[in-house]
């Protein structure tokens, strides 16, 4: 297979026109579970039923009547009830009668993957119903040059059913069964989007992201969902290309935040260069007539942002530099959010490159006073001092917080001891750090807070 700059990578408006109309549907079980508490509609989103999206027939789904019905469900109320007594709890409780509405402060992280398979149709629609104003697609590429929504180029073995299909044979590291049918390489299976074509990708079914690396059978390997998540909404798992994602977000009345995922293959890949990949992402939005003001392209690779700022300045102005300790730790150092000598780039240097918005992981922005009170970190203070806009990721990505949380709560153990502390975390990020948006795996949590505080 050979990808050239003028063939498979050329995007044309005629193709996109075919995906401009999309069915908006959800299983009735999901609709009923979401529409428990607080419901309003948005007549600005017109959801019509038209032809299928792509050359591969999508799964048929029941129709969801338009417009979007916004809802919080029960989780925000559970979290608020679990908070320690205090003014914030009282304020949030006083908003119990508010009508849910869409807010750009609430950013859907891969959809709503706390309970629905990430980067699937149902997950995306659920995130819209929870009030998220911006929808993410993590972008990877297939072996015929199509951009698709997956959190990593090499996660098909944990996020889809590929191992139960004949496509498993095409995986970079396929599953190996011995003579007795025992799985022998559970710790090394690897399936990439670049192992298959776009048409083959569309035959897959998304599932909750999980794998048992000690499994001795395919079913044991796949059935590994964390106990605080669920497989209740995994029956459909319709996966989307980036073109389909754009059409869906438009129908749902949402803005766009695609993340260019780092290739795991050696680039160029059959003639497909890294710059081709960077440009194709932007070209896809341009061909779909999405205004640059509605697109927030993201990357952990600062050179991706350099490319967009230089070659696509309208889109580069909104580009978001994703940051954590993996890409912004100074050589020979351990990242410390309160010690600038441990940072690879100063915040002034990042701003000087023309970057306007950064998205550090939650824990980089918040520290404690040693007495159980959260406050802005030095990293957050310097970002603000240098005029950088800040968004952050990701709330609702962790299990129960009784024991102080996981990586997303690093260094905050003395301030985190129950699930309700999540609302305190959000409040410090919004009011003290001054973030302009928060990614969430369950957007209703952030939407409720934003609606209560009047954040648009």
Protein backbone atom coordinates (compact mmCIF):
# COMPACT_ATOMS: atom_id res chain seq x y z
CA UNK A 1 0.00 0.00 0.00
CA UNK A 2 1.33 3.42 -0.94
CA UNK A 3 -0.07 6.67 0.35
CA UNK A 4 0.78 9.72 -1.70
CA UNK A 5 0.19 13.38 -0.97
CA UNK A 6 -2.15 13.76 -3.93
CA UNK A 7 -4.21 10.59 -3.67
CA UNK A 8 -5.49 8.95 -0.50
CA UNK A 9 -4.73 12.01 1.58
CA UNK A 10 -6.67 14.47 -0.61
CA UNK A 11 -9.92 15.42 1.10
CA UNK A 12 -12.77 16.60 -1.07
CA UNK A 13 -16.00 18.31 -0.26
CA UNK A 14 -17.97 15.85 -2.37
CA UNK A 15 -17.05 13.05 0.01
CA UNK A 16 -17.82 15.15 3.04
CA UNK A 17 -21.19 16.09 1.62
CA UNK A 18 -22.15 12.43 1.86
CA UNK A 19 -21.59 12.50 5.60
CA UNK A 20 -23.25 15.84 6.26
CA UNK A 21 -26.44 14.20 7.47
CA UNK A 22 -26.36 11.73 10.34
CA UNK A 23 -28.78 9.74 12.43
CA UNK A 24 -28.83 10.78 16.07
CA UNK A 25 -29.76 7.70 18.05
CA UNK A 26 -29.24 6.06 21.40
CA UNK A 27 -30.35 2.79 22.93
CA UNK A 28 -33.54 3.29 24.94
CA UNK A 29 -31.80 1.93 28.01
CA UNK A 30 -29.23 4.71 27.84
CA UNK A 31 -31.81 7.41 27.23
CA UNK A 32 -33.87 6.33 30.21
CA UNK A 33 -30.87 6.19 32.52
CA UNK A 34 -29.63 9.62 31.50
CA UNK A 35 -32.96 11.41 31.64
CA UNK A 36 -33.46 10.90 35.35
CA UNK A 37 -32.95 14.37 36.81
CA UNK A 38 -33.28 17.80 35.19
CA UNK A 39 -34.12 17.95 31.51
CA UNK A 40 -34.24 20.74 28.99
CA UNK A 41 -33.89 20.98 25.24
CA UNK A 42 -31.93 23.05 22.79
CA UNK A 43 -33.89 24.00 19.70
CA UNK A 44 -30.70 25.31 18.10
CA UNK A 45 -29.61 21.76 17.27
CA UNK A 46 -31.65 20.28 14.44
CA UNK A 47 -31.15 16.54 14.34
CA UNK A 48 -32.53 15.02 11.18
CA UNK A 49 -32.55 11.47 9.91
CA UNK A 50 -30.78 11.04 6.62
CA UNK A 51 -28.60 8.55 4.77
CA UNK A 52 -25.78 6.54 6.40
CA UNK A 53 -22.41 8.18 6.81
CA UNK A 54 -19.91 6.13 4.91
CA UNK A 55 -19.32 3.47 2.32
CA UNK A 56 -19.40 0.95 5.16
CA UNK A 57 -22.96 0.57 6.42
CA UNK A 58 -23.25 1.74 10.05
CA UNK A 59 -25.13 -0.25 12.62
CA UNK A 60 -28.86 0.48 12.58
CA UNK A 61 -30.02 2.29 15.69
CA UNK A 62 -33.34 3.51 17.11
CA UNK A 63 -34.15 7.12 16.35
CA UNK A 64 -33.75 9.87 18.94
CA UNK A 65 -36.13 12.72 18.23
CA UNK A 66 -34.66 16.19 17.97
CA UNK A 67 -33.68 18.48 19.58
CA UNK A 68 -31.00 17.47 22.11
CA UNK A 69 -32.42 16.83 25.58
CA UNK A 70 -29.97 18.05 28.20
CA UNK A 71 -29.77 16.20 31.49
CA UNK A 72 -27.53 15.81 34.53
CA UNK A 73 -28.61 12.35 35.62
CA UNK A 74 -27.93 11.48 39.25
CA UNK A 75 -24.13 11.64 39.53
CA UNK A 76 -23.60 15.39 40.16
CA UNK A 77 -26.15 15.22 42.99
CA UNK A 78 -24.40 12.20 44.49
CA UNK A 79 -21.08 14.07 44.43
CA UNK A 80 -22.56 17.21 45.99
CA UNK A 81 -24.26 15.20 48.74
CA UNK A 82 -20.90 13.55 49.47
CA UNK A 83 -19.11 16.88 49.97
CA UNK A 84 -18.00 18.05 53.39
CA UNK A 85 -20.27 20.74 54.79
CA UNK A 86 -19.39 24.26 53.71
CA UNK A 87 -20.35 27.27 51.56
CA UNK A 88 -19.58 25.56 48.22
CA UNK A 89 -21.77 22.58 49.05
CA UNK A 90 -24.59 24.91 50.04
CA UNK A 91 -24.20 26.91 46.83
CA UNK A 92 -24.24 23.83 44.61
CA UNK A 93 -27.19 22.36 46.48
CA UNK A 94 -29.09 25.60 45.94
CA UNK A 95 -28.80 25.00 42.17
CA UNK A 96 -30.64 21.68 42.30
CA UNK A 97 -33.64 23.13 40.50
CA UNK A 98 -31.68 24.66 37.63
CA UNK A 99 -32.30 23.48 34.09
CA UNK A 100 -29.26 21.84 32.46
CA UNK A 101 -27.81 23.61 29.45
CA UNK A 102 -24.85 23.38 27.11
CA UNK A 103 -21.59 25.02 28.19
CA UNK A 104 -18.20 25.23 26.51
CA UNK A 105 -16.62 25.00 29.98
CA UNK A 106 -17.58 21.31 29.86
CA UNK A 107 -15.41 19.41 27.35
CA UNK A 108 -16.25 15.80 26.51
CA UNK A 109 -13.11 13.68 26.95
CA UNK A 110 -13.49 10.89 24.36
CA UNK A 111 -17.27 11.20 24.82
CA UNK A 112 -18.53 9.89 28.16
CA UNK A 113 -16.17 6.95 28.81
CA UNK A 114 -16.82 6.65 32.53
CA UNK A 115 -19.71 4.37 31.51
CA UNK A 116 -19.80 4.21 27.70
CA UNK A 117 -17.11 2.94 25.32
CA UNK A 118 -14.82 5.82 24.40
CA UNK A 119 -14.92 7.35 20.93
CA UNK A 120 -18.18 5.68 19.99
CA UNK A 121 -21.42 7.14 18.68
CA UNK A 122 -23.41 6.46 21.85
CA UNK A 123 -20.65 7.94 24.02
CA UNK A 124 -20.49 11.12 21.95
CA UNK A 125 -24.26 11.65 21.97
CA UNK A 126 -24.42 11.01 25.72
CA UNK A 127 -21.77 13.67 26.30
CA UNK A 128 -23.83 16.18 24.32
CA UNK A 129 -26.92 15.34 26.36
CA UNK A 130 -24.89 16.04 29.51
CA UNK A 131 -24.27 19.59 28.35
CA UNK A 132 -20.72 19.37 26.98
CA UNK A 133 -20.15 22.14 24.46
CA UNK A 134 -16.94 20.78 22.95
CA UNK A 135 -16.33 17.23 21.68
CA UNK A 136 -12.98 15.48 21.40
CA UNK A 137 -11.73 13.12 18.71
CA UNK A 138 -8.30 11.61 19.28
CA UNK A 139 -7.02 11.25 15.73
CA UNK A 140 -5.11 8.29 14.31
CA UNK A 141 -4.73 7.02 10.71
CA UNK A 142 -5.53 3.79 8.90
CA UNK A 143 -3.31 2.06 6.34
CA UNK A 144 -5.20 3.73 3.49
CA UNK A 145 -4.86 7.25 4.84
CA UNK A 146 -8.21 7.80 6.57
CA UNK A 147 -8.32 9.65 9.89
CA UNK A 148 -10.31 7.87 12.60
CA UNK A 149 -11.15 8.47 16.26
CA UNK A 150 -9.04 6.35 18.63
CA UNK A 151 -7.16 7.40 21.74
CA UNK A 152 -3.96 5.84 20.40
CA UNK A 153 -2.83 4.43 17.09
CA UNK A 154 -2.16 1.15 18.86
CA UNK A 155 -5.14 0.58 21.18
CA UNK A 156 -7.57 -1.41 19.03
CA UNK A 157 -6.86 -4.54 21.09
CA UNK A 158 -8.13 -2.86 24.27
CA UNK A 159 -10.86 -0.55 22.92
CA UNK A 160 -12.56 -2.69 20.24
CA UNK A 161 -13.56 -6.27 19.51
CA UNK A 162 -10.81 -6.76 16.90
CA UNK A 163 -9.43 -9.84 18.67
CA UNK A 164 -12.70 -11.69 18.09
CA UNK A 165 -12.61 -10.98 14.34
CA UNK A 166 -10.54 -12.20 11.42
CA UNK A 167 -8.76 -8.83 11.45
CA UNK A 168 -6.83 -10.02 14.50
CA UNK A 169 -4.48 -11.79 12.08
CA UNK A 170 -3.46 -8.41 10.67
CA UNK A 171 -2.43 -6.97 14.04
CA UNK A 172 1.17 -5.89 14.53
CA UNK A 173 1.38 -8.46 17.33
CA UNK A 174 -1.59 -10.82 16.90
CA UNK A 175 -2.83 -13.08 19.67
CA UNK A 176 -1.04 -16.44 19.79
CA UNK A 177 -2.85 -19.58 20.88
CA UNK A 178 -1.05 -22.83 21.66
CA UNK A 179 -2.20 -26.28 20.55
CA UNK A 180 -4.72 -26.40 23.39
CA UNK A 181 -6.19 -23.00 22.53
CA UNK A 182 -4.49 -21.19 25.40
CA UNK A 183 -3.57 -17.54 24.86
CA UNK A 184 0.19 -17.27 25.36
CA UNK A 185 1.04 -13.62 24.68
CA UNK A 186 -1.58 -11.54 26.51
CA UNK A 187 1.10 -9.12 27.69
CA UNK A 188 2.29 -8.20 24.18
CA UNK A 189 -0.75 -8.12 21.85
CA UNK A 190 -0.82 -4.95 19.78
CA UNK A 191 -3.33 -3.89 17.15
CA UNK A 192 -2.94 -0.58 15.33
CA UNK A 193 -5.27 1.52 13.22
CA UNK A 194 -2.50 1.46 10.62
CA UNK A 195 -2.80 -2.35 10.46
CA UNK A 196 -6.18 -2.09 8.73
CA UNK A 197 -8.12 -0.02 6.21
CA UNK A 198 -10.85 2.49 7.00
CA UNK A 199 -13.49 0.07 5.70
CA UNK A 200 -12.16 -2.65 7.99
CA UNK A 201 -12.05 -0.21 10.91
CA UNK A 202 -15.74 0.54 10.41
CA UNK A 203 -16.62 -3.14 10.92
CA UNK A 204 -15.25 -3.07 14.47
CA UNK A 205 -17.28 -2.56 17.64
CA UNK A 206 -15.97 -0.30 20.39
CA UNK A 207 -15.83 -1.61 23.96
CA UNK A 208 -14.79 -0.28 27.35
CA UNK A 209 -11.04 0.29 27.33
CA UNK A 210 -9.57 -2.59 29.31
CA UNK A 211 -7.42 -5.69 28.98
CA UNK A 212 -6.27 -8.49 31.28
CA UNK A 213 -2.56 -8.82 30.45
CA UNK A 214 -2.41 -12.12 32.38
CA UNK A 215 -5.32 -13.74 30.54
CA UNK A 216 -5.10 -17.20 29.04
CA UNK A 217 -8.07 -16.79 26.67
CA UNK A 218 -9.36 -14.04 24.38
CA UNK A 219 -12.60 -13.65 26.34
CA UNK A 220 -10.68 -13.33 29.61
CA UNK A 221 -8.38 -10.76 27.98
CA UNK A 222 -11.28 -8.62 26.76
CA UNK A 223 -13.61 -8.85 29.76
CA UNK A 224 -11.54 -6.72 32.09
CA UNK A 225 -13.61 -3.59 32.69
CA UNK A 226 -12.79 -1.92 36.02
CA UNK A 227 -15.43 -2.61 38.70
CA UNK A 228 -16.22 1.12 39.06
CA UNK A 229 -17.05 1.33 35.35
CA UNK A 230 -19.70 -0.73 33.52
CA UNK A 231 -20.36 -2.73 30.36
CA UNK A 232 -24.06 -1.89 30.48
CA UNK A 233 -23.86 0.46 27.47
CA UNK A 234 -21.40 -1.51 25.34
CA UNK A 235 -23.86 -3.32 23.11
CA UNK A 236 -23.57 -0.99 20.08
CA UNK A 237 -20.05 0.48 20.09
CA UNK A 238 -20.26 2.20 16.72
CA UNK A 239 -16.83 3.65 15.84
CA UNK A 240 -16.38 6.80 13.74
CA UNK A 241 -13.99 8.31 11.24
CA UNK A 242 -12.98 11.93 11.78
CA UNK A 243 -15.31 13.00 8.97
CA UNK A 244 -18.21 11.29 10.70
CA UNK A 245 -17.19 12.80 14.02
CA UNK A 246 -17.26 16.29 12.52
CA UNK A 247 -20.71 15.72 11.05
CA UNK A 248 -22.03 14.37 14.36
CA UNK A 249 -20.57 17.22 16.42
CA UNK A 250 -22.16 19.70 14.03
CA UNK A 251 -25.56 18.04 14.38
CA UNK A 252 -25.22 18.06 18.15
CA UNK A 253 -24.33 21.76 18.13
CA UNK A 254 -20.85 21.15 19.60
CA UNK A 255 -17.44 22.63 18.88
CA UNK A 256 -14.45 20.46 18.00
CA UNK A 257 -11.20 19.53 19.75
CA UNK A 258 -9.23 16.94 17.74
CA UNK A 259 -6.00 15.63 19.22
CA UNK A 260 -3.27 14.56 16.82
CA UNK A 261 -2.01 11.33 18.34
CA UNK A 262 1.67 10.49 18.07
CA UNK A 263 2.33 7.83 15.42
CA UNK A 264 3.76 4.58 16.72
CA UNK A 265 4.87 3.58 13.24
CA UNK A 266 8.05 4.99 11.77
CA UNK A 267 7.33 8.07 9.72
CA UNK A 268 7.20 8.46 6.76
CA UNK A 269 4.74 5.56 6.64
CA UNK A 270 4.58 4.33 3.04
CA UNK A 271 5.27 7.85 1.84
CA UNK A 272 2.96 9.51 4.40
CA UNK A 273 4.96 12.18 6.21
CA UNK A 274 4.37 13.69 9.63
CA UNK A 275 3.65 17.05 8.00
CA UNK A 276 1.06 15.35 5.77
CA UNK A 277 -0.62 14.02 8.92
CA UNK A 278 -0.59 17.44 10.58
CA UNK A 279 -2.01 19.09 7.49
CA UNK A 280 -4.63 16.43 6.83
CA UNK A 281 -6.19 17.01 10.22
CA UNK A 282 -6.70 20.72 9.48
CA UNK A 283 -7.73 20.08 5.87
CA UNK A 284 -10.51 17.79 7.07
CA UNK A 285 -12.10 20.62 9.04
CA UNK A 286 -11.55 23.13 6.25
CA UNK A 287 -13.19 20.81 3.73
CA UNK A 288 -16.15 20.42 6.07
CA UNK A 289 -16.47 24.24 6.28
CA UNK A 290 -15.91 24.25 10.03
CA UNK A 291 -14.71 27.74 11.04
CA UNK A 292 -11.30 27.88 12.66
CA UNK A 293 -12.85 29.59 15.68
CA UNK A 294 -14.74 26.35 16.46
CA UNK A 295 -11.70 24.05 16.24
CA UNK A 296 -9.20 23.55 19.06
CA UNK A 297 -6.53 21.22 17.67
CA UNK A 298 -4.44 19.59 20.40
CA UNK A 299 -1.13 17.79 20.71
CA UNK A 300 1.47 16.72 23.27
CA UNK A 301 4.10 17.36 20.59
CA UNK A 302 5.02 21.04 20.66
CA UNK A 303 6.33 20.76 17.08
CA UNK A 304 2.79 19.96 15.89
CA UNK A 305 1.68 23.32 17.27
CA UNK A 306 4.68 25.02 15.65
CA UNK A 307 3.54 23.58 12.30
CA UNK A 308 -0.07 24.76 12.69
CA UNK A 309 0.94 28.23 13.88
CA UNK A 310 3.23 28.64 10.85
CA UNK A 311 1.16 26.96 8.13
CA UNK A 312 -2.43 27.33 9.35
CA UNK A 313 -2.38 30.45 11.53
CA UNK A 314 -6.17 30.72 11.86
CA UNK A 315 -6.29 27.22 13.35
CA UNK A 316 -2.92 27.63 15.06
CA UNK A 317 -4.26 30.55 17.08
CA UNK A 318 -6.64 28.16 18.87
CA UNK A 319 -4.24 25.21 19.04
CA UNK A 320 -3.82 23.63 22.48
CA UNK A 321 -0.53 22.36 23.88
CA UNK A 322 -1.17 19.31 26.07
CA UNK A 323 1.18 19.03 29.01
CA UNK A 324 2.11 16.51 31.68
CA UNK A 325 5.28 15.20 33.25
CA UNK A 326 5.93 12.95 30.24
CA UNK A 327 6.64 15.78 27.80
CA UNK A 328 7.56 18.79 29.98
CA UNK A 329 10.14 17.44 32.41
CA UNK A 330 13.63 18.93 32.21
CA UNK A 331 16.40 16.47 31.39
CA UNK A 332 17.69 14.70 34.48
CA UNK A 333 14.91 16.11 36.66
CA UNK A 334 11.68 14.89 38.25
CA UNK A 335 8.78 17.17 37.42
CA UNK A 336 7.72 19.38 40.32
CA UNK A 337 4.74 21.65 39.69
CA UNK A 338 6.15 24.14 42.20
CA UNK A 339 9.77 24.19 40.94
CA UNK A 340 10.39 25.85 37.56
CA UNK A 341 13.89 24.34 37.32
CA UNK A 342 12.28 20.94 36.68
CA UNK A 343 10.25 22.14 33.66
CA UNK A 344 11.50 21.51 30.12
CA UNK A 345 10.11 24.81 28.80
CA UNK A 346 9.34 27.91 30.80
CA UNK A 347 5.80 29.21 30.42
CA UNK A 348 7.30 32.37 28.91
CA UNK A 349 9.07 30.28 26.26
CA UNK A 350 5.83 28.47 25.42
CA UNK A 351 3.99 31.76 25.02
CA UNK A 352 6.83 33.17 22.88
CA UNK A 353 6.37 30.34 20.36
CA UNK A 354 2.92 31.76 19.57
CA UNK A 355 1.02 29.23 21.66
CA UNK A 356 -2.02 30.83 23.28
CA UNK A 357 -3.61 27.90 25.14
CA UNK A 358 -2.12 25.14 27.25
CA UNK A 359 -3.83 22.09 28.72
CA UNK A 360 -1.84 20.70 31.64
CA UNK A 361 -3.05 17.61 33.50
CA UNK A 362 -5.23 18.51 36.49
CA UNK A 363 -2.61 17.86 39.14
CA UNK A 364 -0.02 20.17 37.56
CA UNK A 365 -2.27 23.15 38.31
CA UNK A 366 -3.20 22.51 41.94
CA UNK A 367 -1.22 21.98 45.12
CA UNK A 368 -2.10 22.10 48.83
CA UNK A 369 -1.06 24.25 51.77
CA UNK A 370 -0.25 21.15 53.81
CA UNK A 371 -3.43 21.60 55.83
CA UNK A 372 -5.86 19.96 53.42
CA UNK A 373 -6.66 23.09 51.41
CA UNK A 374 -6.17 23.14 47.64
CA UNK A 375 -4.63 26.16 45.91
CA UNK A 376 -2.98 27.08 42.58
CA UNK A 377 0.45 25.59 41.94
CA UNK A 378 3.44 27.64 40.83
CA UNK A 379 2.93 26.18 37.35
CA UNK A 380 -0.61 27.59 37.26
CA UNK A 381 0.54 30.97 38.56
CA UNK A 382 3.26 31.32 35.94
CA UNK A 383 0.92 30.25 33.13
CA UNK A 384 -1.52 32.95 34.15
CA UNK A 385 1.25 35.55 34.57
CA UNK A 386 2.39 34.87 31.01
CA UNK A 387 -1.07 35.42 29.56
CA UNK A 388 -1.73 31.81 28.62
CA UNK A 389 -5.27 30.50 28.46
CA UNK A 390 -5.65 27.26 30.42
CA UNK A 391 -7.86 24.22 30.04
CA UNK A 392 -7.24 20.95 31.85
CA UNK A 393 -7.84 17.19 31.82
CA UNK A 394 -9.51 14.97 33.00
CA UNK A 395 -12.16 14.92 35.72
CA UNK A 396 -14.07 11.63 36.28
CA UNK A 397 -11.20 9.52 34.95
CA UNK A 398 -10.49 7.92 38.32
CA UNK A 399 -12.14 5.38 40.58
CA UNK A 400 -13.52 6.18 44.05
CA UNK A 401 -11.51 8.88 45.84
CA UNK A 402 -11.69 7.51 49.40
CA UNK A 403 -7.96 6.77 49.38
CA UNK A 404 -6.90 10.12 47.91
CA UNK A 405 -7.27 9.43 44.20
CA UNK A 406 -4.79 8.29 41.57
CA UNK A 407 -2.38 9.98 39.12
CA UNK A 408 -4.90 12.74 38.38
CA UNK A 409 -4.74 13.78 42.05
CA UNK A 410 -0.96 13.53 42.48
CA UNK A 411 0.30 15.51 45.45
CA UNK A 412 -3.20 16.24 46.74
CA UNK A 413 -3.68 13.33 49.13
CA UNK A 414 -4.21 15.50 52.20
CA UNK A 415 -7.09 17.33 50.47
CA UNK A 416 -8.85 14.36 48.84
CA UNK A 417 -10.68 11.74 50.92
CA UNK A 418 -14.13 11.33 49.37
CA UNK A 419 -15.83 11.53 45.98
CA UNK A 420 -17.37 14.88 46.86
CA UNK A 421 -13.91 16.45 46.93
CA UNK A 422 -14.07 16.31 43.13
CA UNK A 423 -16.39 19.33 43.24
CA UNK A 424 -13.87 21.21 45.41
CA UNK A 425 -11.17 20.34 42.85
CA UNK A 426 -13.33 21.73 40.04
CA UNK A 427 -14.00 24.89 42.05
CA UNK A 428 -10.31 25.59 42.70
CA UNK A 429 -9.52 25.02 39.02
CA UNK A 430 -12.31 27.34 37.90
CA UNK A 431 -12.15 30.10 40.48
CA UNK A 432 -8.54 30.17 41.70
CA UNK A 433 -6.55 28.81 38.76
CA UNK A 434 -8.91 30.37 36.22
CA UNK A 435 -9.18 27.52 33.71
CA UNK A 436 -11.49 28.15 30.76
CA UNK A 437 -12.62 24.56 30.38
CA UNK A 438 -12.33 21.11 31.92
CA UNK A 439 -12.25 17.78 30.10
CA UNK A 440 -14.39 15.15 31.78
CA UNK A 441 -15.15 11.46 31.29
CA UNK A 442 -18.66 12.21 32.59
CA UNK A 443 -19.45 15.75 31.38
CA UNK A 444 -22.59 16.18 33.51
CA UNK A 445 -20.39 16.72 36.57
CA UNK A 446 -18.63 19.73 35.04
CA UNK A 447 -21.77 20.96 33.28
CA UNK A 448 -23.72 21.11 36.55
CA UNK A 449 -20.96 23.15 38.21
CA UNK A 450 -20.64 25.48 35.20
CA UNK A 451 -24.40 26.01 34.94
CA UNK A 452 -24.61 26.78 38.64
CA UNK A 453 -21.74 29.29 38.42
CA UNK A 454 -22.96 30.86 35.18
CA UNK A 455 -19.94 29.71 33.15
CA UNK A 456 -20.78 29.64 29.46
